[in-house]
């Protein structure tokens, strides 16, 4: 069992793999030479696989998982955790926005201060526009106001997890693989480590700059809170009350001549559109929860490994 496992989800990262390895290997060597780097790769259209294979030919501590199709970053991360064997596991992206230089301090907090989860927390978010920062802020605010567990603000999947934590995570059956929330679910002694996030090394992230953040945030809200369902009922009650008050106002207005109403078609049309819109929003929220139930009941695997390089037979058999 190596001391450290490093899990790196990748997809079309041919320009970042080599600089990433050049940066992370010295950072790991300062801690220990007993480590493994697991690239968990969705099938890529560029030379990512070839570059990782070349690096692996020079260093057998580099390992590679290739999936049968694109499962997405959360599933790739989950696969890397499942195949890891280190006493501690570090999850980090390949674009160097999460600085490998933090690994030494993360490991010190784990080994000397006995923190089982160490999560770097962004003080700044370089390279992100105002809209994305706003969406991220509002998303974390809403999740932490409504969720059953507290998910630290301004954090990503970049973190160190003790082997005990990883083992407990692997027992969870949720299909969404929202690591930030699931880490909070299993708990354990946690330390936040502030840092300044750098711009992406090259290219663009694989998530849409706006809708990607919204989808991730909505996934976290639906997965860890039933508040939207309760809010839907509250909004429906308020709308019904406003409709009743409006009807009473119109009735007495007509009787006492307070206002010379026209045919009322405009008012009626406005109310119908408004209430119908509220109903559709409520049905959409309800549908999101029902869809999540549907996904969970199918029990489909989070990932399917097509090929793997560097893992022994026992590790392979555990994930057949």
Protein backbone atom coordinates (compact mmCIF):
# COMPACT_ATOMS: atom_id res chain seq x y z
CA UNK A 1 0.00 0.00 0.00
CA UNK A 2 1.59 3.32 -1.07
CA UNK A 3 1.52 6.24 1.29
CA UNK A 4 -0.25 8.55 -1.17
CA UNK A 5 -2.58 8.08 -4.11
CA UNK A 6 -3.23 11.05 -6.41
CA UNK A 7 -6.46 10.88 -8.45
CA UNK A 8 -6.55 13.04 -11.59
CA UNK A 9 -9.70 13.06 -13.77
CA UNK A 10 -8.81 13.99 -17.36
CA UNK A 11 -10.56 14.57 -20.67
CA UNK A 12 -8.85 16.14 -23.71
CA UNK A 13 -5.92 17.42 -21.65
CA UNK A 14 -2.98 16.85 -24.01
CA UNK A 15 -1.57 20.33 -23.36
CA UNK A 16 -1.72 20.14 -19.58
CA UNK A 17 -0.61 16.57 -18.68
CA UNK A 18 3.14 17.13 -19.06
CA UNK A 19 3.25 20.49 -17.18
CA UNK A 20 1.04 18.94 -14.51
CA UNK A 21 3.40 15.99 -14.00
CA UNK A 22 6.40 18.33 -14.00
CA UNK A 23 4.76 20.31 -11.19
CA UNK A 24 3.23 17.57 -9.07
CA UNK A 25 6.05 15.04 -8.97
CA UNK A 26 8.53 17.35 -7.15
CA UNK A 27 5.72 18.31 -4.73
CA UNK A 28 5.08 14.63 -3.99
CA UNK A 29 8.78 13.79 -3.71
CA UNK A 30 9.10 16.36 -0.92
CA UNK A 31 6.63 14.27 1.06
CA UNK A 32 7.46 10.73 -0.04
CA UNK A 33 8.61 8.68 -3.00
CA UNK A 34 5.98 6.08 -2.13
CA UNK A 35 3.05 7.34 -4.21
CA UNK A 36 0.88 6.54 -7.23
CA UNK A 37 -0.72 8.92 -9.73
CA UNK A 38 -3.99 7.61 -11.15
CA UNK A 39 -5.26 9.30 -14.30
CA UNK A 40 -8.97 8.54 -14.69
CA UNK A 41 -9.70 9.33 -18.34
CA UNK A 42 -12.88 9.67 -20.32
CA UNK A 43 -12.13 8.59 -23.93
CA UNK A 44 -10.43 11.64 -25.44
CA UNK A 45 -10.23 12.92 -28.98
CA UNK A 46 -6.69 14.27 -28.63
CA UNK A 47 -3.33 12.74 -27.59
CA UNK A 48 -4.04 12.62 -23.86
CA UNK A 49 -3.81 8.82 -23.72
CA UNK A 50 -0.54 8.67 -25.66
CA UNK A 51 1.09 11.34 -23.49
CA UNK A 52 0.07 9.56 -20.27
CA UNK A 53 1.30 6.23 -21.69
CA UNK A 54 4.67 7.77 -22.53
CA UNK A 55 4.96 9.16 -19.01
CA UNK A 56 3.98 5.79 -17.58
CA UNK A 57 6.73 4.07 -19.58
CA UNK A 58 9.24 6.22 -17.69
CA UNK A 59 7.56 5.99 -14.27
CA UNK A 60 5.50 2.95 -13.27
CA UNK A 61 3.95 4.89 -10.41
CA UNK A 62 1.76 6.54 -13.04
CA UNK A 63 -1.41 4.54 -13.69
CA UNK A 64 -4.26 4.94 -16.12
CA UNK A 65 -7.97 4.12 -16.23
CA UNK A 66 -9.84 4.51 -19.52
CA UNK A 67 -13.64 4.32 -19.47
CA UNK A 68 -15.93 2.72 -22.01
CA UNK A 69 -17.54 6.10 -22.74
CA UNK A 70 -17.59 9.60 -21.32
CA UNK A 71 -19.03 9.39 -17.81
CA UNK A 72 -18.01 12.90 -16.71
CA UNK A 73 -15.64 14.29 -14.11
CA UNK A 74 -17.58 13.23 -10.97
CA UNK A 75 -17.67 9.59 -12.08
CA UNK A 76 -14.03 9.69 -13.18
CA UNK A 77 -13.06 10.99 -9.76
CA UNK A 78 -15.12 8.27 -8.10
CA UNK A 79 -13.40 5.61 -10.18
CA UNK A 80 -9.99 6.93 -9.19
CA UNK A 81 -10.97 6.75 -5.53
CA UNK A 82 -12.27 3.21 -6.00
CA UNK A 83 -9.03 2.04 -7.63
CA UNK A 84 -6.71 3.92 -5.25
CA UNK A 85 -4.78 2.05 -2.57
CA UNK A 86 -2.88 4.81 -0.73
CA UNK A 87 -3.12 5.49 2.98
CA UNK A 88 -4.32 8.93 1.91
CA UNK A 89 -5.82 10.01 -1.41
CA UNK A 90 -5.46 13.44 -3.01
CA UNK A 91 -7.97 14.49 -5.68
CA UNK A 92 -6.66 17.22 -7.98
CA UNK A 93 -7.42 18.56 -11.47
CA UNK A 94 -4.88 18.54 -14.27
CA UNK A 95 -5.10 22.23 -15.21
CA UNK A 96 -2.88 23.49 -12.32
CA UNK A 97 -5.58 25.81 -11.02
CA UNK A 98 -5.23 23.77 -7.85
CA UNK A 99 -1.54 24.27 -6.93
CA UNK A 100 0.44 21.07 -6.23
CA UNK A 101 2.57 23.15 -3.84
CA UNK A 102 -0.21 22.75 -1.26
CA UNK A 103 0.28 19.00 -1.09
CA UNK A 104 3.11 19.24 1.45
CA UNK A 105 0.99 21.25 3.89
CA UNK A 106 -2.02 19.01 3.28
CA UNK A 107 0.03 15.95 4.14
CA UNK A 108 1.50 17.64 7.21
CA UNK A 109 -1.98 18.39 8.52
CA UNK A 110 -2.93 14.76 7.88
CA UNK A 111 0.16 13.14 9.39
CA UNK A 112 1.02 15.51 12.25
CA UNK A 113 -2.32 17.00 13.24
CA UNK A 114 -4.44 13.94 12.43
CA UNK A 115 -6.93 15.65 10.14
CA UNK A 116 -8.69 12.99 8.08
CA UNK A 117 -10.04 15.44 5.50
CA UNK A 118 -8.04 18.46 4.30
CA UNK A 119 -9.88 20.75 1.87
CA UNK A 120 -8.15 23.72 0.23
CA UNK A 121 -10.55 26.69 0.23
CA UNK A 122 -10.29 29.39 -2.42
CA UNK A 123 -9.67 32.92 -1.23
CA UNK A 124 -9.85 34.16 -4.82
CA UNK A 125 -11.06 32.69 -8.13
CA UNK A 126 -8.71 33.98 -10.84
CA UNK A 127 -9.78 33.40 -14.44
CA UNK A 128 -13.51 33.25 -13.62
CA UNK A 129 -15.93 35.92 -14.78
CA UNK A 130 -18.34 37.86 -12.56
CA UNK A 131 -21.36 35.76 -13.54
CA UNK A 132 -19.68 32.47 -12.62
CA UNK A 133 -18.45 33.87 -9.31
CA UNK A 134 -21.95 35.11 -8.53
CA UNK A 135 -23.54 31.78 -9.40
CA UNK A 136 -20.98 29.96 -7.23
CA UNK A 137 -21.58 32.31 -4.29
CA UNK A 138 -25.36 32.04 -4.48
CA UNK A 139 -25.18 28.28 -4.97
CA UNK A 140 -23.06 27.67 -1.88
CA UNK A 141 -25.20 30.11 0.13
CA UNK A 142 -28.43 28.33 -0.80
CA UNK A 143 -27.03 24.82 -0.31
CA UNK A 144 -25.71 25.65 3.15
CA UNK A 145 -28.99 27.31 4.10
CA UNK A 146 -31.04 24.28 3.08
CA UNK A 147 -28.85 21.16 3.10
CA UNK A 148 -28.78 18.61 5.91
CA UNK A 149 -24.95 18.80 5.95
CA UNK A 150 -22.64 21.80 5.67
CA UNK A 151 -20.61 21.98 2.46
CA UNK A 152 -17.68 24.44 2.80
CA UNK A 153 -17.90 27.50 0.55
CA UNK A 154 -15.49 28.07 -2.33
CA UNK A 155 -14.18 24.53 -2.42
CA UNK A 156 -13.90 22.06 -5.27
CA UNK A 157 -12.95 18.41 -5.47
CA UNK A 158 -9.31 19.27 -4.63
CA UNK A 159 -8.80 17.61 -1.24
CA UNK A 160 -6.91 15.02 0.80
CA UNK A 161 -8.90 12.08 2.16
CA UNK A 162 -7.67 9.56 4.69
CA UNK A 163 -8.06 5.90 3.71
CA UNK A 164 -10.82 5.51 6.31
CA UNK A 165 -12.78 8.33 4.67
CA UNK A 166 -12.35 6.81 1.20
CA UNK A 167 -13.54 3.43 2.44
CA UNK A 168 -16.66 5.03 3.93
CA UNK A 169 -17.31 6.94 0.70
CA UNK A 170 -17.15 3.72 -1.28
CA UNK A 171 -19.99 2.33 0.84
CA UNK A 172 -22.36 5.07 -0.31
CA UNK A 173 -24.76 4.13 -3.10
CA UNK A 174 -25.67 7.54 -4.55
CA UNK A 175 -25.29 7.61 -8.31
CA UNK A 176 -24.54 11.34 -8.67
CA UNK A 177 -21.01 11.21 -7.18
CA UNK A 178 -21.14 14.80 -5.84
CA UNK A 179 -17.87 14.47 -3.89
CA UNK A 180 -18.12 17.82 -2.09
CA UNK A 181 -21.43 16.85 -0.54
CA UNK A 182 -20.67 13.18 0.06
CA UNK A 183 -17.45 14.06 1.91
CA UNK A 184 -19.57 16.15 4.25
CA UNK A 185 -22.01 13.26 4.63
CA UNK A 186 -19.38 10.83 5.95
CA UNK A 187 -17.87 13.53 8.20
CA UNK A 188 -14.58 12.97 10.10
CA UNK A 189 -12.11 15.58 11.35
CA UNK A 190 -11.82 18.25 8.66
CA UNK A 191 -9.45 21.17 8.07
CA UNK A 192 -9.90 24.01 5.56
CA UNK A 193 -6.70 25.32 3.98
CA UNK A 194 -7.08 28.79 2.34
CA UNK A 195 -5.32 29.43 -0.98
CA UNK A 196 -5.50 31.68 -4.04
CA UNK A 197 -6.73 29.85 -7.10
CA UNK A 198 -4.77 30.44 -10.30
CA UNK A 199 -6.10 30.77 -13.86
CA UNK A 200 -6.31 27.59 -15.91
CA UNK A 201 -2.95 26.58 -17.42
CA UNK A 202 -4.24 26.07 -20.98
CA UNK A 203 -7.48 25.78 -22.88
CA UNK A 204 -10.92 25.90 -21.35
CA UNK A 205 -12.68 23.87 -18.70
CA UNK A 206 -14.94 21.07 -19.86
CA UNK A 207 -17.95 22.56 -18.05
CA UNK A 208 -19.93 25.39 -19.62
CA UNK A 209 -18.85 28.58 -17.84
CA UNK A 210 -22.41 29.41 -16.78
CA UNK A 211 -24.70 26.42 -17.14
CA UNK A 212 -22.04 24.02 -15.80
CA UNK A 213 -21.90 25.81 -12.46
CA UNK A 214 -25.69 26.02 -12.32
CA UNK A 215 -26.10 22.30 -13.01
CA UNK A 216 -23.50 21.36 -10.38
CA UNK A 217 -25.16 23.62 -7.83
CA UNK A 218 -28.65 22.33 -8.63
CA UNK A 219 -27.36 18.78 -8.35
CA UNK A 220 -26.04 19.55 -4.88
CA UNK A 221 -29.31 21.18 -3.81
CA UNK A 222 -31.50 18.29 -5.00
CA UNK A 223 -29.14 15.66 -3.61
CA UNK A 224 -28.80 17.11 -0.13
CA UNK A 225 -31.96 19.09 0.59
CA UNK A 226 -35.72 18.73 0.36
CA UNK A 227 -36.20 22.48 0.84
CA UNK A 228 -37.24 23.11 -2.77
CA UNK A 229 -40.21 20.79 -2.33
CA UNK A 230 -41.30 22.64 0.81
CA UNK A 231 -40.76 26.00 -0.90
CA UNK A 232 -42.96 24.86 -3.76
CA UNK A 233 -45.85 24.30 -1.32
CA UNK A 234 -45.24 27.66 0.38
CA UNK A 235 -45.17 29.55 -2.93
CA UNK A 236 -48.36 27.77 -4.03
CA UNK A 237 -50.10 28.80 -0.79
CA UNK A 238 -48.98 32.43 -1.19
CA UNK A 239 -50.16 32.53 -4.80
CA UNK A 240 -53.54 31.12 -3.84
CA UNK A 241 -53.87 33.69 -1.05
CA UNK A 242 -52.99 36.54 -3.42
CA UNK A 243 -55.53 35.27 -5.93
CA UNK A 244 -58.26 35.22 -3.24
CA UNK A 245 -57.36 38.73 -2.07
CA UNK A 246 -57.40 39.94 -5.66
CA UNK A 247 -60.83 38.43 -6.23
CA UNK A 248 -62.17 40.10 -3.05
CA UNK A 249 -60.72 43.46 -4.11
CA UNK A 250 -62.28 43.23 -7.56
CA UNK A 251 -65.66 42.17 -6.09
CA UNK A 252 -65.93 45.11 -3.67
CA UNK A 253 -64.48 47.48 -6.23
CA UNK A 254 -67.31 46.64 -8.58
CA UNK A 255 -70.00 46.89 -5.87
CA UNK A 256 -68.90 50.28 -4.51
CA UNK A 257 -67.76 51.71 -7.82
CA UNK A 258 -64.20 52.21 -6.61
CA UNK A 259 -62.85 51.43 -10.01
CA UNK A 260 -64.42 51.17 -13.41
CA UNK A 261 -63.08 47.85 -14.55
CA UNK A 262 -63.03 46.94 -18.20
CA UNK A 263 -63.93 43.50 -19.38
CA UNK A 264 -61.27 42.00 -17.08
CA UNK A 265 -59.63 39.95 -19.79
CA UNK A 266 -56.21 41.54 -19.18
CA UNK A 267 -56.38 40.88 -15.44
CA UNK A 268 -57.61 37.36 -15.96
CA UNK A 269 -54.90 36.66 -18.51
CA UNK A 270 -52.20 37.99 -16.20
CA UNK A 271 -53.39 35.86 -13.31
CA UNK A 272 -53.60 32.75 -15.46
CA UNK A 273 -50.12 33.26 -16.85
CA UNK A 274 -48.66 33.99 -13.44
CA UNK A 275 -50.26 31.04 -11.69
CA UNK A 276 -49.54 28.69 -14.59
CA UNK A 277 -45.91 29.72 -14.47
CA UNK A 278 -45.76 28.98 -10.75
CA UNK A 279 -47.33 25.59 -11.35
CA UNK A 280 -44.81 24.75 -14.06
CA UNK A 281 -41.91 25.78 -11.83
CA UNK A 282 -43.30 23.57 -9.07
CA UNK A 283 -43.73 20.64 -11.44
CA UNK A 284 -40.16 21.13 -12.67
CA UNK A 285 -38.79 20.98 -9.12
CA UNK A 286 -40.94 17.95 -8.33
CA UNK A 287 -39.76 16.33 -11.54
CA UNK A 288 -36.12 16.88 -10.56
CA UNK A 289 -36.63 14.94 -7.34
CA UNK A 290 -38.62 12.19 -9.06
CA UNK A 291 -35.90 11.95 -11.70
CA UNK A 292 -33.28 11.58 -8.97
CA UNK A 293 -35.32 8.77 -7.40
CA UNK A 294 -35.56 7.11 -10.82
CA UNK A 295 -31.80 7.34 -11.35
CA UNK A 296 -31.06 5.90 -7.93
CA UNK A 297 -33.43 2.95 -8.30
CA UNK A 298 -31.79 1.81 -11.56
CA UNK A 299 -28.53 1.11 -9.70
CA UNK A 300 -26.42 1.62 -12.81
CA UNK A 301 -22.65 1.69 -12.25
CA UNK A 302 -21.08 5.12 -11.86
CA UNK A 303 -18.38 4.12 -14.35
CA UNK A 304 -17.28 1.26 -16.59
CA UNK A 305 -13.56 0.76 -17.09
CA UNK A 306 -12.63 -0.30 -20.61
CA UNK A 307 -8.87 -0.57 -20.07
CA UNK A 308 -6.56 -0.09 -17.11
CA UNK A 309 -2.80 0.11 -16.84
CA UNK A 310 -0.66 -0.34 -13.74
CA UNK A 311 -3.13 -2.08 -11.42
CA UNK A 312 -2.62 -5.56 -10.02
CA UNK A 313 -5.07 -8.42 -10.49
CA UNK A 314 -6.60 -8.12 -7.02
CA UNK A 315 -7.52 -4.50 -7.64
CA UNK A 316 -9.05 -5.40 -10.97
CA UNK A 317 -11.13 -8.23 -9.51
CA UNK A 318 -12.59 -5.91 -6.87
CA UNK A 319 -14.21 -3.82 -9.59
CA UNK A 320 -15.44 -6.43 -12.04
